[in-house]
Amino acid sequence: MIKVLISMLAASSAACALFSAPSQSKSPTPMSQVSTPDGMKSLIVAGGCFWCLEVLFEELKGVQFVESCYAGGSRAGVSYQEVCTGSTGHAEAIRVVFDPKVIAADDLLRIFFTIHDPTTLNRQGPDSGTQYRSAIFYADEEEKARAERILKEIASEKIWPDPLVTSIEPLVNYTRAEEYHQDYYVKYEKASPEARAKMNVGYCTAIIQPKVLKFRQKFAHLLKKSG
C-alpha cells in the first residue's frame, strides 16, 4: 500500500530559515549518551529542515518518538549556530525511534522519499548548503543495505523526474539538537498567541503547516490519530 501512496505525496521543498536562538539552552547530547528502548529500532535521515521532517514522522503509528539532531560532521557536540554556517559537515537530521512490529523501516524510508525533494543537491528550496542535504545515515551493514535497496526502488519507480542525489553515509558525530528545536511545530500549534509571536511564525504557517495538512490527508490510515 505504501509503495502506491509514495507516488501521491509531493514534497514541499524548503528548509528552516535562520532565526535568533534562545540565549539559554541545554548542551547538545552526543549519540553515546542516547539509548534506544528495548524492542525499538531507530532510523536517522536528513532532508532539509528538521522541524519539517520531525512533525510528520511523529504522527505515524508505531513511531515512539522523534528527535531533531545533527549528524555526519567532523565532531560531536556542535551547536545549531555552528551547523548553520555549513562548515562543520553536519546535516540537520532526525532520529526516528519506532516499533518494527507496527511499521517497517522500509516503509519509513519510502515515506521519507516523499516528504522532501531528494533530487536537489545540498538544497531544499531556497536554502542551500551541505547542512540541508538529503541523506540516510546507517549504523551497520544491514541498515546500509536497506538504504541502498529502497533508494534503488524509488529511483526505478520514477517518482521524481530528476535523478536522486540522496547520500548514504555512515553515522558519525551524532548530536541531539538543542531543546528548543525539539517538537518545534507541535509547540507552535499548542502555543498561545503571545508565545507564537516569539517563534518563527512565518516559516511555520507558510512551509510546515501546508506540508502537515497534505501529509495528514494522504497518509490518514497510517496516523496515530486523524489530522
N, C-alpha and C. Protein backbone atom coordinates (compact mmCIF):
# COMPACT_ATOMS: atom_id res chain seq x y z
N MET A 1 0.82 -1.20 0.00
CA MET A 1 0.00 0.00 0.00
C MET A 1 0.86 1.26 0.00
N ILE A 2 1.90 1.26 0.83
CA ILE A 2 2.76 2.45 0.89
C ILE A 2 3.48 2.67 -0.42
N LYS A 3 3.84 1.60 -1.13
CA LYS A 3 4.50 1.75 -2.42
C LYS A 3 3.60 2.51 -3.40
N VAL A 4 2.30 2.31 -3.27
CA VAL A 4 1.36 3.04 -4.13
C VAL A 4 1.25 4.49 -3.68
N LEU A 5 1.19 4.69 -2.39
CA LEU A 5 0.96 6.03 -1.86
C LEU A 5 2.14 6.97 -2.07
N ILE A 6 3.35 6.46 -2.14
CA ILE A 6 4.50 7.34 -2.24
C ILE A 6 4.47 8.18 -3.50
N SER A 7 3.81 7.71 -4.52
CA SER A 7 3.73 8.50 -5.74
C SER A 7 2.69 9.60 -5.66
N MET A 8 1.91 9.64 -4.57
CA MET A 8 0.82 10.59 -4.46
C MET A 8 1.19 11.84 -3.65
N LEU A 9 2.26 11.75 -2.87
CA LEU A 9 2.57 12.84 -1.96
C LEU A 9 3.73 13.65 -2.48
N ALA A 10 3.48 14.86 -2.93
CA ALA A 10 4.55 15.72 -3.45
C ALA A 10 5.28 16.38 -2.30
N ALA A 11 6.58 16.59 -2.48
CA ALA A 11 7.38 17.21 -1.44
C ALA A 11 7.25 18.71 -1.49
N SER A 12 7.26 19.34 -0.34
CA SER A 12 7.31 20.81 -0.25
C SER A 12 8.73 21.19 0.07
N SER A 13 9.45 21.79 -0.88
CA SER A 13 10.89 21.95 -0.73
C SER A 13 11.26 23.31 -0.17
N ALA A 14 11.58 23.30 1.11
CA ALA A 14 12.12 24.49 1.75
C ALA A 14 12.76 24.04 3.04
N ALA A 15 13.72 24.82 3.54
CA ALA A 15 14.42 24.47 4.76
C ALA A 15 14.27 25.57 5.77
N CYS A 16 14.64 25.26 7.01
CA CYS A 16 14.46 26.22 8.08
C CYS A 16 15.28 27.47 7.85
N ALA A 17 14.61 28.60 8.00
CA ALA A 17 15.32 29.87 7.93
C ALA A 17 16.03 30.10 9.25
N LEU A 18 17.14 30.80 9.20
CA LEU A 18 17.86 31.12 10.42
C LEU A 18 17.00 32.03 11.29
N PHE A 19 17.11 31.85 12.58
CA PHE A 19 16.38 32.71 13.49
C PHE A 19 17.24 32.90 14.72
N SER A 20 16.86 33.84 15.56
CA SER A 20 17.62 34.10 16.77
C SER A 20 17.35 33.00 17.78
N ALA A 21 18.37 32.25 18.12
CA ALA A 21 18.21 31.15 19.07
C ALA A 21 18.07 31.70 20.48
N PRO A 22 17.35 30.99 21.36
CA PRO A 22 17.26 31.41 22.75
C PRO A 22 18.65 31.55 23.36
N SER A 23 18.79 32.51 24.23
CA SER A 23 20.10 32.77 24.82
C SER A 23 20.54 31.66 25.76
N GLN A 24 19.56 30.89 26.28
CA GLN A 24 19.88 29.80 27.18
C GLN A 24 19.28 28.51 26.63
N SER A 25 20.09 27.47 26.52
CA SER A 25 19.60 26.19 26.04
C SER A 25 20.46 25.07 26.59
N LYS A 26 19.93 23.88 26.59
CA LYS A 26 20.69 22.74 27.08
C LYS A 26 21.81 22.40 26.11
N SER A 27 22.88 21.83 26.65
CA SER A 27 24.00 21.44 25.81
C SER A 27 23.59 20.27 24.92
N PRO A 28 24.07 20.22 23.67
CA PRO A 28 23.74 19.11 22.79
C PRO A 28 24.18 17.78 23.38
N THR A 29 23.42 16.74 23.12
CA THR A 29 23.70 15.42 23.66
C THR A 29 24.28 14.51 22.59
N PRO A 30 25.48 13.92 22.80
CA PRO A 30 26.07 13.03 21.80
C PRO A 30 25.38 11.67 21.77
N MET A 31 25.54 10.95 20.65
CA MET A 31 24.89 9.66 20.46
C MET A 31 25.30 8.66 21.55
N SER A 32 26.52 8.80 22.06
CA SER A 32 27.00 7.86 23.06
C SER A 32 26.15 7.91 24.33
N GLN A 33 25.39 9.00 24.51
CA GLN A 33 24.54 9.15 25.68
C GLN A 33 23.07 8.93 25.35
N VAL A 34 22.78 8.47 24.15
CA VAL A 34 21.41 8.26 23.71
C VAL A 34 21.15 6.76 23.59
N SER A 35 20.06 6.29 24.17
CA SER A 35 19.74 4.87 24.10
C SER A 35 18.41 4.67 23.39
N THR A 36 18.25 3.50 22.80
CA THR A 36 17.00 3.12 22.14
C THR A 36 16.27 2.13 23.04
N PRO A 37 15.01 2.38 23.37
CA PRO A 37 14.27 1.48 24.27
C PRO A 37 14.24 0.04 23.74
N ASP A 38 14.14 -0.91 24.64
CA ASP A 38 14.10 -2.32 24.27
C ASP A 38 12.96 -2.58 23.29
N GLY A 39 13.28 -3.34 22.24
CA GLY A 39 12.28 -3.70 21.24
C GLY A 39 12.08 -2.67 20.16
N MET A 40 12.67 -1.50 20.33
CA MET A 40 12.54 -0.43 19.35
C MET A 40 13.76 -0.40 18.41
N LYS A 41 13.59 0.21 17.26
CA LYS A 41 14.67 0.45 16.31
C LYS A 41 14.74 1.94 16.04
N SER A 42 15.84 2.37 15.44
CA SER A 42 15.95 3.79 15.11
C SER A 42 16.39 3.97 13.67
N LEU A 43 16.00 5.09 13.11
CA LEU A 43 16.34 5.46 11.73
C LEU A 43 16.74 6.92 11.75
N ILE A 44 17.86 7.26 11.11
CA ILE A 44 18.32 8.64 11.09
C ILE A 44 18.43 9.10 9.65
N VAL A 45 17.66 10.14 9.33
CA VAL A 45 17.62 10.67 7.97
C VAL A 45 17.70 12.19 8.00
N ALA A 46 18.09 12.76 6.87
CA ALA A 46 18.17 14.21 6.72
C ALA A 46 17.52 14.61 5.41
N GLY A 47 16.77 15.71 5.46
CA GLY A 47 16.10 16.18 4.24
C GLY A 47 15.72 17.63 4.35
N GLY A 48 16.69 18.48 4.68
CA GLY A 48 16.40 19.89 4.86
C GLY A 48 16.12 20.21 6.30
N CYS A 49 15.12 21.04 6.55
CA CYS A 49 14.79 21.48 7.90
C CYS A 49 14.31 20.33 8.78
N PHE A 50 14.93 20.17 9.94
CA PHE A 50 14.49 19.07 10.80
C PHE A 50 13.13 19.34 11.43
N TRP A 51 12.72 20.60 11.53
CA TRP A 51 11.36 20.87 12.02
C TRP A 51 10.31 20.22 11.13
N CYS A 52 10.53 20.29 9.82
CA CYS A 52 9.54 19.76 8.87
C CYS A 52 9.42 18.25 8.94
N LEU A 53 10.54 17.56 8.97
CA LEU A 53 10.51 16.10 8.98
C LEU A 53 10.00 15.57 10.32
N GLU A 54 10.44 16.18 11.40
CA GLU A 54 10.12 15.68 12.73
C GLU A 54 8.61 15.55 12.96
N VAL A 55 7.87 16.60 12.67
CA VAL A 55 6.44 16.60 12.97
C VAL A 55 5.68 15.55 12.16
N LEU A 56 6.13 15.26 10.94
CA LEU A 56 5.44 14.28 10.11
C LEU A 56 5.65 12.86 10.64
N PHE A 57 6.88 12.50 10.91
CA PHE A 57 7.16 11.15 11.39
C PHE A 57 6.53 10.90 12.76
N GLU A 58 6.44 11.94 13.58
CA GLU A 58 5.87 11.77 14.92
C GLU A 58 4.41 11.31 14.87
N GLU A 59 3.71 11.59 13.78
CA GLU A 59 2.29 11.26 13.71
C GLU A 59 2.01 9.84 13.22
N LEU A 60 3.04 9.12 12.81
CA LEU A 60 2.84 7.77 12.27
C LEU A 60 2.66 6.73 13.37
N LYS A 61 1.74 5.81 13.15
CA LYS A 61 1.58 4.67 14.05
C LYS A 61 2.91 3.91 14.12
N GLY A 62 3.27 3.50 15.32
CA GLY A 62 4.49 2.72 15.50
C GLY A 62 5.71 3.56 15.82
N VAL A 63 5.63 4.86 15.60
CA VAL A 63 6.75 5.74 15.93
C VAL A 63 6.60 6.16 17.39
N GLN A 64 7.60 5.82 18.20
CA GLN A 64 7.54 6.15 19.62
C GLN A 64 7.90 7.60 19.87
N PHE A 65 8.97 8.07 19.25
CA PHE A 65 9.32 9.47 19.33
C PHE A 65 10.33 9.82 18.25
N VAL A 66 10.46 11.11 18.00
CA VAL A 66 11.41 11.62 17.02
C VAL A 66 12.18 12.75 17.67
N GLU A 67 13.47 12.81 17.41
CA GLU A 67 14.24 13.94 17.92
C GLU A 67 15.05 14.57 16.81
N SER A 68 15.12 15.88 16.84
CA SER A 68 15.94 16.62 15.89
C SER A 68 17.40 16.50 16.32
N CYS A 69 18.29 16.40 15.34
CA CYS A 69 19.68 16.16 15.66
C CYS A 69 20.58 16.68 14.54
N TYR A 70 21.88 16.54 14.74
CA TYR A 70 22.88 16.84 13.73
C TYR A 70 23.70 15.57 13.52
N ALA A 71 24.04 15.25 12.29
CA ALA A 71 24.77 14.02 12.01
C ALA A 71 25.70 14.20 10.82
N GLY A 72 26.77 13.39 10.83
CA GLY A 72 27.64 13.32 9.67
C GLY A 72 28.74 14.35 9.58
N GLY A 73 29.04 15.06 10.63
CA GLY A 73 30.04 16.12 10.57
C GLY A 73 31.40 15.70 11.08
N SER A 74 32.20 16.69 11.39
CA SER A 74 33.59 16.46 11.75
C SER A 74 33.80 16.16 13.23
N ARG A 75 32.80 16.47 14.07
CA ARG A 75 32.93 16.23 15.50
C ARG A 75 31.55 16.24 16.14
N ALA A 76 31.45 15.67 17.31
CA ALA A 76 30.19 15.67 18.05
C ALA A 76 30.11 16.92 18.92
N GLY A 77 28.92 17.19 19.45
CA GLY A 77 28.76 18.30 20.37
C GLY A 77 28.65 19.66 19.73
N VAL A 78 28.25 19.72 18.45
CA VAL A 78 28.13 21.01 17.78
C VAL A 78 26.84 21.71 18.16
N SER A 79 26.78 23.01 17.89
CA SER A 79 25.59 23.81 18.16
C SER A 79 24.87 24.13 16.86
N TYR A 80 23.63 24.58 16.98
CA TYR A 80 22.86 24.99 15.82
C TYR A 80 23.56 26.10 15.05
N GLN A 81 24.09 27.06 15.78
CA GLN A 81 24.76 28.18 15.12
C GLN A 81 25.96 27.70 14.30
N GLU A 82 26.69 26.72 14.81
CA GLU A 82 27.84 26.17 14.08
C GLU A 82 27.38 25.42 12.83
N VAL A 83 26.35 24.60 12.98
CA VAL A 83 25.87 23.82 11.84
C VAL A 83 25.34 24.74 10.75
N CYS A 84 24.70 25.84 11.13
CA CYS A 84 24.13 26.79 10.16
C CYS A 84 25.19 27.43 9.27
N THR A 85 26.43 27.44 9.70
CA THR A 85 27.48 28.01 8.86
C THR A 85 27.82 27.11 7.68
N GLY A 86 27.46 25.83 7.78
CA GLY A 86 27.77 24.88 6.73
C GLY A 86 29.21 24.39 6.75
N SER A 87 29.97 24.79 7.76
CA SER A 87 31.39 24.46 7.80
C SER A 87 31.72 23.20 8.59
N THR A 88 30.74 22.66 9.33
CA THR A 88 31.04 21.51 10.19
C THR A 88 30.85 20.17 9.50
N GLY A 89 30.14 20.17 8.37
CA GLY A 89 29.87 18.93 7.66
C GLY A 89 28.65 18.19 8.15
N HIS A 90 27.97 18.72 9.16
CA HIS A 90 26.76 18.07 9.67
C HIS A 90 25.55 18.36 8.78
N ALA A 91 24.57 17.50 8.88
CA ALA A 91 23.26 17.74 8.28
C ALA A 91 22.25 17.90 9.39
N GLU A 92 21.26 18.77 9.17
CA GLU A 92 20.11 18.79 10.07
C GLU A 92 19.36 17.48 9.81
N ALA A 93 19.17 16.69 10.85
CA ALA A 93 18.60 15.36 10.67
C ALA A 93 17.58 15.08 11.76
N ILE A 94 16.92 13.93 11.64
CA ILE A 94 16.02 13.47 12.69
C ILE A 94 16.32 12.02 13.01
N ARG A 95 16.11 11.66 14.25
CA ARG A 95 16.22 10.27 14.70
C ARG A 95 14.81 9.77 15.01
N VAL A 96 14.37 8.79 14.24
CA VAL A 96 13.04 8.21 14.40
C VAL A 96 13.16 6.91 15.19
N VAL A 97 12.56 6.86 16.35
CA VAL A 97 12.56 5.63 17.16
C VAL A 97 11.19 4.98 17.00
N PHE A 98 11.18 3.74 16.52
CA PHE A 98 9.92 3.11 16.13
C PHE A 98 9.87 1.64 16.53
N ASP A 99 8.63 1.13 16.52
CA ASP A 99 8.38 -0.28 16.82
C ASP A 99 8.31 -1.03 15.49
N PRO A 100 9.29 -1.89 15.19
CA PRO A 100 9.30 -2.59 13.90
C PRO A 100 8.14 -3.58 13.74
N LYS A 101 7.46 -3.88 14.83
CA LYS A 101 6.30 -4.77 14.74
C LYS A 101 5.08 -4.02 14.22
N VAL A 102 5.12 -2.69 14.26
CA VAL A 102 4.00 -1.87 13.83
C VAL A 102 4.25 -1.23 12.48
N ILE A 103 5.45 -0.72 12.28
CA ILE A 103 5.80 -0.10 11.00
C ILE A 103 7.23 -0.49 10.64
N ALA A 104 7.42 -0.87 9.40
CA ALA A 104 8.72 -1.36 8.94
C ALA A 104 9.66 -0.21 8.59
N ALA A 105 10.94 -0.44 8.78
CA ALA A 105 11.94 0.55 8.40
C ALA A 105 11.88 0.84 6.91
N ASP A 106 11.59 -0.18 6.10
CA ASP A 106 11.45 0.01 4.66
C ASP A 106 10.39 1.06 4.36
N ASP A 107 9.25 0.97 5.04
CA ASP A 107 8.16 1.90 4.78
C ASP A 107 8.47 3.31 5.28
N LEU A 108 9.19 3.40 6.39
CA LEU A 108 9.62 4.71 6.86
C LEU A 108 10.53 5.39 5.84
N LEU A 109 11.39 4.62 5.22
CA LEU A 109 12.26 5.18 4.19
C LEU A 109 11.47 5.58 2.95
N ARG A 110 10.48 4.77 2.58
CA ARG A 110 9.65 5.13 1.42
C ARG A 110 8.92 6.45 1.69
N ILE A 111 8.40 6.60 2.88
CA ILE A 111 7.73 7.86 3.24
C ILE A 111 8.72 9.01 3.20
N PHE A 112 9.91 8.78 3.72
CA PHE A 112 10.96 9.81 3.72
C PHE A 112 11.19 10.38 2.32
N PHE A 113 11.18 9.52 1.33
CA PHE A 113 11.46 9.97 -0.04
C PHE A 113 10.31 10.76 -0.65
N THR A 114 9.17 10.83 0.03
CA THR A 114 8.05 11.62 -0.50
C THR A 114 7.87 12.95 0.20
N ILE A 115 8.51 13.17 1.33
CA ILE A 115 8.24 14.38 2.11
C ILE A 115 9.37 15.39 2.07
N HIS A 116 10.31 15.19 1.17
CA HIS A 116 11.31 16.21 0.86
C HIS A 116 11.73 15.98 -0.57
N ASP A 117 12.50 16.89 -1.13
CA ASP A 117 12.97 16.74 -2.51
C ASP A 117 14.34 16.09 -2.51
N PRO A 118 14.43 14.81 -2.89
CA PRO A 118 15.71 14.10 -2.87
C PRO A 118 16.52 14.27 -4.16
N THR A 119 16.13 15.26 -4.97
CA THR A 119 16.82 15.44 -6.26
C THR A 119 17.64 16.72 -6.31
N THR A 120 17.62 17.52 -5.25
CA THR A 120 18.36 18.78 -5.25
C THR A 120 19.58 18.65 -4.35
N LEU A 121 20.74 18.77 -4.92
CA LEU A 121 21.99 18.55 -4.19
C LEU A 121 22.25 19.68 -3.21
N ASN A 122 22.39 19.31 -1.94
CA ASN A 122 22.70 20.29 -0.88
C ASN A 122 21.74 21.47 -0.88
N ARG A 123 20.47 21.18 -1.13
CA ARG A 123 19.48 22.25 -1.18
C ARG A 123 18.09 21.71 -0.95
N GLN A 124 17.31 22.50 -0.22
CA GLN A 124 15.87 22.30 -0.13
C GLN A 124 15.25 23.67 -0.35
N GLY A 125 14.59 23.83 -1.47
CA GLY A 125 14.00 25.13 -1.78
C GLY A 125 15.05 26.22 -1.86
N PRO A 126 14.83 27.34 -1.18
CA PRO A 126 15.76 28.46 -1.26
C PRO A 126 17.01 28.31 -0.40
N ASP A 127 17.04 27.31 0.47
CA ASP A 127 18.17 27.15 1.39
C ASP A 127 19.20 26.18 0.84
N SER A 128 20.43 26.62 0.80
CA SER A 128 21.48 25.77 0.24
C SER A 128 22.63 25.61 1.22
N GLY A 129 23.33 24.52 1.08
CA GLY A 129 24.45 24.20 1.96
C GLY A 129 24.39 22.73 2.31
N THR A 130 25.53 22.17 2.66
CA THR A 130 25.57 20.74 2.97
C THR A 130 24.71 20.38 4.18
N GLN A 131 24.43 21.35 5.03
CA GLN A 131 23.59 21.08 6.19
C GLN A 131 22.15 20.77 5.81
N TYR A 132 21.79 21.06 4.56
CA TYR A 132 20.43 20.80 4.07
C TYR A 132 20.38 19.62 3.10
N ARG A 133 21.41 18.81 3.07
CA ARG A 133 21.46 17.71 2.11
C ARG A 133 20.46 16.61 2.45
N SER A 134 20.13 15.85 1.42
CA SER A 134 19.30 14.67 1.58
C SER A 134 20.23 13.50 1.89
N ALA A 135 19.99 12.82 3.01
CA ALA A 135 20.91 11.76 3.42
C ALA A 135 20.20 10.73 4.29
N ILE A 136 20.72 9.51 4.22
CA ILE A 136 20.32 8.44 5.12
C ILE A 136 21.59 7.99 5.85
N PHE A 137 21.54 7.96 7.17
CA PHE A 137 22.71 7.58 7.96
C PHE A 137 22.53 6.16 8.50
N TYR A 138 23.55 5.33 8.31
CA TYR A 138 23.45 3.94 8.74
C TYR A 138 24.45 3.64 9.86
N ALA A 139 24.02 2.75 10.77
CA ALA A 139 24.86 2.36 11.89
C ALA A 139 25.53 1.01 11.68
N ASP A 140 25.03 0.22 10.71
CA ASP A 140 25.63 -1.09 10.43
C ASP A 140 25.36 -1.46 8.98
N GLU A 141 25.88 -2.60 8.57
CA GLU A 141 25.77 -3.03 7.17
C GLU A 141 24.33 -3.35 6.78
N GLU A 142 23.55 -3.83 7.73
CA GLU A 142 22.14 -4.12 7.43
C GLU A 142 21.40 -2.83 7.09
N GLU A 143 21.62 -1.78 7.87
CA GLU A 143 20.98 -0.50 7.59
C GLU A 143 21.47 0.10 6.28
N LYS A 144 22.74 -0.08 5.99
CA LYS A 144 23.29 0.42 4.73
C LYS A 144 22.63 -0.27 3.54
N ALA A 145 22.53 -1.60 3.63
CA ALA A 145 21.94 -2.37 2.53
C ALA A 145 20.47 -1.99 2.34
N ARG A 146 19.76 -1.76 3.41
CA ARG A 146 18.35 -1.36 3.31
C ARG A 146 18.24 0.00 2.62
N ALA A 147 19.06 0.94 3.01
CA ALA A 147 19.02 2.27 2.40
C ALA A 147 19.30 2.19 0.91
N GLU A 148 20.29 1.40 0.53
CA GLU A 148 20.64 1.26 -0.89
C GLU A 148 19.49 0.61 -1.67
N ARG A 149 18.84 -0.36 -1.05
CA ARG A 149 17.74 -1.06 -1.73
C ARG A 149 16.54 -0.15 -1.95
N ILE A 150 16.16 0.61 -0.91
CA ILE A 150 15.00 1.48 -1.04
C ILE A 150 15.30 2.64 -1.98
N LEU A 151 16.50 3.18 -1.93
CA LEU A 151 16.86 4.25 -2.87
C LEU A 151 16.75 3.75 -4.30
N LYS A 152 17.24 2.55 -4.56
CA LYS A 152 17.16 1.97 -5.90
C LYS A 152 15.69 1.75 -6.31
N GLU A 153 14.88 1.32 -5.36
CA GLU A 153 13.45 1.11 -5.63
C GLU A 153 12.78 2.41 -6.03
N ILE A 154 13.01 3.46 -5.26
CA ILE A 154 12.39 4.76 -5.54
C ILE A 154 12.86 5.30 -6.89
N ALA A 155 14.13 5.13 -7.17
CA ALA A 155 14.67 5.61 -8.45
C ALA A 155 14.05 4.86 -9.62
N SER A 156 13.86 3.55 -9.46
CA SER A 156 13.32 2.74 -10.56
C SER A 156 11.85 3.04 -10.82
N GLU A 157 11.12 3.49 -9.81
CA GLU A 157 9.70 3.79 -9.98
C GLU A 157 9.45 5.17 -10.56
N LYS A 158 10.53 5.95 -10.75
CA LYS A 158 10.44 7.25 -11.43
C LYS A 158 9.43 8.18 -10.75
N ILE A 159 9.41 8.15 -9.44
CA ILE A 159 8.51 9.04 -8.70
C ILE A 159 8.94 10.49 -8.90
N TRP A 160 10.23 10.70 -8.96
CA TRP A 160 10.79 12.02 -9.21
C TRP A 160 11.34 12.08 -10.63
N PRO A 161 11.10 13.16 -11.37
CA PRO A 161 11.57 13.24 -12.76
C PRO A 161 13.08 13.37 -12.88
N ASP A 162 13.73 13.89 -11.83
CA ASP A 162 15.18 14.07 -11.86
C ASP A 162 15.87 12.98 -11.05
N PRO A 163 17.16 12.76 -11.29
CA PRO A 163 17.89 11.73 -10.54
C PRO A 163 17.95 12.03 -9.05
N LEU A 164 17.92 10.99 -8.24
CA LEU A 164 18.04 11.14 -6.79
C LEU A 164 19.49 11.44 -6.42
N VAL A 165 19.68 12.34 -5.46
CA VAL A 165 21.03 12.68 -5.02
C VAL A 165 21.22 12.37 -3.53
N THR A 166 20.29 11.64 -2.95
CA THR A 166 20.37 11.28 -1.54
C THR A 166 21.64 10.48 -1.26
N SER A 167 22.42 10.92 -0.31
CA SER A 167 23.64 10.21 0.06
C SER A 167 23.33 9.17 1.14
N ILE A 168 24.10 8.11 1.15
CA ILE A 168 24.01 7.07 2.18
C ILE A 168 25.33 7.09 2.93
N GLU A 169 25.29 7.51 4.17
CA GLU A 169 26.51 7.82 4.91
C GLU A 169 26.58 7.06 6.23
N PRO A 170 27.79 6.71 6.66
CA PRO A 170 27.93 6.10 7.99
C PRO A 170 27.55 7.11 9.07
N LEU A 171 26.92 6.65 10.12
CA LEU A 171 26.50 7.53 11.20
C LEU A 171 27.70 7.89 12.07
N VAL A 172 28.10 9.14 12.00
CA VAL A 172 29.19 9.62 12.84
C VAL A 172 28.80 10.96 13.46
N ASN A 173 29.35 11.21 14.63
CA ASN A 173 29.22 12.51 15.30
C ASN A 173 27.78 12.97 15.47
N TYR A 174 26.94 12.00 15.82
CA TYR A 174 25.55 12.32 16.12
C TYR A 174 25.48 13.25 17.32
N THR A 175 24.66 14.27 17.21
CA THR A 175 24.43 15.19 18.33
C THR A 175 22.97 15.58 18.37
N ARG A 176 22.32 15.33 19.49
CA ARG A 176 20.92 15.75 19.65
C ARG A 176 20.87 17.27 19.64
N ALA A 177 19.93 17.81 18.89
CA ALA A 177 19.82 19.26 18.80
C ALA A 177 19.33 19.86 20.12
N GLU A 178 19.51 21.14 20.24
CA GLU A 178 19.11 21.85 21.45
C GLU A 178 17.62 21.68 21.72
N GLU A 179 17.26 21.80 22.98
CA GLU A 179 15.89 21.50 23.41
C GLU A 179 14.85 22.36 22.69
N TYR A 180 15.17 23.61 22.38
CA TYR A 180 14.16 24.46 21.76
C TYR A 180 13.81 24.02 20.35
N HIS A 181 14.61 23.16 19.74
CA HIS A 181 14.30 22.62 18.41
C HIS A 181 13.35 21.42 18.48
N GLN A 182 13.33 20.74 19.62
CA GLN A 182 12.56 19.51 19.73
C GLN A 182 11.05 19.81 19.69
N ASP A 183 10.33 19.06 18.85
CA ASP A 183 8.87 19.22 18.72
C ASP A 183 8.48 20.66 18.42
N TYR A 184 9.26 21.31 17.56
CA TYR A 184 9.06 22.74 17.34
C TYR A 184 7.66 23.07 16.83
N TYR A 185 7.19 22.35 15.82
CA TYR A 185 5.88 22.68 15.27
C TYR A 185 4.76 22.29 16.23
N VAL A 186 4.92 21.21 16.97
CA VAL A 186 3.92 20.83 17.96
C VAL A 186 3.81 21.93 19.01
N LYS A 187 4.95 22.46 19.42
CA LYS A 187 4.93 23.58 20.38
C LYS A 187 4.22 24.78 19.77
N TYR A 188 4.47 25.01 18.49
CA TYR A 188 3.82 26.14 17.80
C TYR A 188 2.31 25.97 17.77
N GLU A 189 1.84 24.75 17.45
CA GLU A 189 0.40 24.50 17.39
C GLU A 189 -0.28 24.72 18.74
N LYS A 190 0.42 24.41 19.81
CA LYS A 190 -0.16 24.49 21.15
C LYS A 190 0.07 25.85 21.82
N ALA A 191 0.90 26.68 21.22
CA ALA A 191 1.31 27.93 21.86
C ALA A 191 0.19 28.96 21.89
N SER A 192 0.25 29.82 22.87
CA SER A 192 -0.66 30.96 22.95
C SER A 192 -0.23 31.98 21.90
N PRO A 193 -1.10 32.92 21.54
CA PRO A 193 -0.71 33.96 20.59
C PRO A 193 0.54 34.72 21.01
N GLU A 194 0.68 34.94 22.31
CA GLU A 194 1.85 35.65 22.81
C GLU A 194 3.13 34.82 22.62
N ALA A 195 3.02 33.51 22.88
CA ALA A 195 4.18 32.63 22.72
C ALA A 195 4.52 32.45 21.25
N ARG A 196 3.50 32.35 20.41
CA ARG A 196 3.75 32.20 18.97
C ARG A 196 4.50 33.39 18.39
N ALA A 197 4.22 34.56 18.91
CA ALA A 197 4.86 35.77 18.40
C ALA A 197 6.37 35.73 18.58
N LYS A 198 6.85 34.88 19.49
CA LYS A 198 8.28 34.76 19.74
C LYS A 198 8.91 33.62 18.93
N MET A 199 8.07 32.91 18.15
CA MET A 199 8.55 31.79 17.34
C MET A 199 8.65 32.21 15.88
N ASN A 200 9.09 31.28 15.04
CA ASN A 200 9.20 31.57 13.61
C ASN A 200 7.84 31.34 12.96
N VAL A 201 6.95 32.30 13.16
CA VAL A 201 5.56 32.18 12.70
C VAL A 201 5.47 32.06 11.19
N GLY A 202 6.23 32.88 10.47
CA GLY A 202 6.18 32.86 9.01
C GLY A 202 6.54 31.51 8.44
N TYR A 203 7.57 30.91 8.97
CA TYR A 203 8.00 29.61 8.47
C TYR A 203 6.99 28.52 8.81
N CYS A 204 6.47 28.57 10.04
CA CYS A 204 5.51 27.55 10.45
C CYS A 204 4.24 27.60 9.62
N THR A 205 3.75 28.79 9.32
CA THR A 205 2.49 28.91 8.59
C THR A 205 2.66 28.71 7.08
N ALA A 206 3.76 29.19 6.53
CA ALA A 206 3.94 29.14 5.08
C ALA A 206 4.53 27.82 4.60
N ILE A 207 5.36 27.19 5.40
CA ILE A 207 6.08 26.00 4.95
C ILE A 207 5.61 24.73 5.67
N ILE A 208 5.65 24.72 6.98
CA ILE A 208 5.36 23.48 7.70
C ILE A 208 3.87 23.14 7.67
N GLN A 209 3.03 24.11 7.95
CA GLN A 209 1.59 23.82 8.04
C GLN A 209 1.00 23.20 6.78
N PRO A 210 1.27 23.73 5.57
CA PRO A 210 0.73 23.09 4.37
C PRO A 210 1.23 21.66 4.19
N LYS A 211 2.50 21.45 4.55
CA LYS A 211 3.06 20.10 4.41
C LYS A 211 2.39 19.14 5.38
N VAL A 212 2.14 19.58 6.59
CA VAL A 212 1.48 18.75 7.59
C VAL A 212 0.06 18.39 7.15
N LEU A 213 -0.68 19.35 6.66
CA LEU A 213 -2.06 19.10 6.22
C LEU A 213 -2.09 18.10 5.07
N LYS A 214 -1.18 18.25 4.11
CA LYS A 214 -1.13 17.32 2.98
C LYS A 214 -0.75 15.91 3.45
N PHE A 215 0.19 15.83 4.36
CA PHE A 215 0.63 14.55 4.89
C PHE A 215 -0.51 13.84 5.61
N ARG A 216 -1.23 14.59 6.44
CA ARG A 216 -2.34 14.01 7.19
C ARG A 216 -3.44 13.48 6.27
N GLN A 217 -3.62 14.13 5.14
CA GLN A 217 -4.64 13.69 4.19
C GLN A 217 -4.19 12.42 3.46
N LYS A 218 -2.99 12.41 2.96
CA LYS A 218 -2.53 11.30 2.14
C LYS A 218 -2.24 10.03 2.95
N PHE A 219 -1.78 10.20 4.18
CA PHE A 219 -1.41 9.04 4.98
C PHE A 219 -2.32 8.86 6.20
N ALA A 220 -3.57 9.27 6.07
CA ALA A 220 -4.51 9.25 7.20
C ALA A 220 -4.59 7.89 7.88
N HIS A 221 -4.60 6.82 7.09
CA HIS A 221 -4.76 5.48 7.67
C HIS A 221 -3.51 5.00 8.41
N LEU A 222 -2.41 5.71 8.27
CA LEU A 222 -1.17 5.33 8.95
C LEU A 222 -0.91 6.17 10.20
N LEU A 223 -1.79 7.11 10.48
CA LEU A 223 -1.55 8.04 11.58
C LEU A 223 -2.11 7.51 12.91
N LYS A 224 -1.50 7.99 13.98
CA LYS A 224 -1.96 7.63 15.32
C LYS A 224 -3.38 8.14 15.56
N LYS A 225 -3.65 9.30 14.98
CA LYS A 225 -4.99 9.87 15.06
C LYS A 225 -5.20 10.73 13.83
N SER A 226 -6.43 10.96 13.48
CA SER A 226 -6.70 11.75 12.29
C SER A 226 -6.25 13.17 12.48
N GLY A 227 -5.68 13.81 11.37
CA GLY A 227 -5.16 15.15 11.49
C GLY A 227 -6.22 16.18 11.32
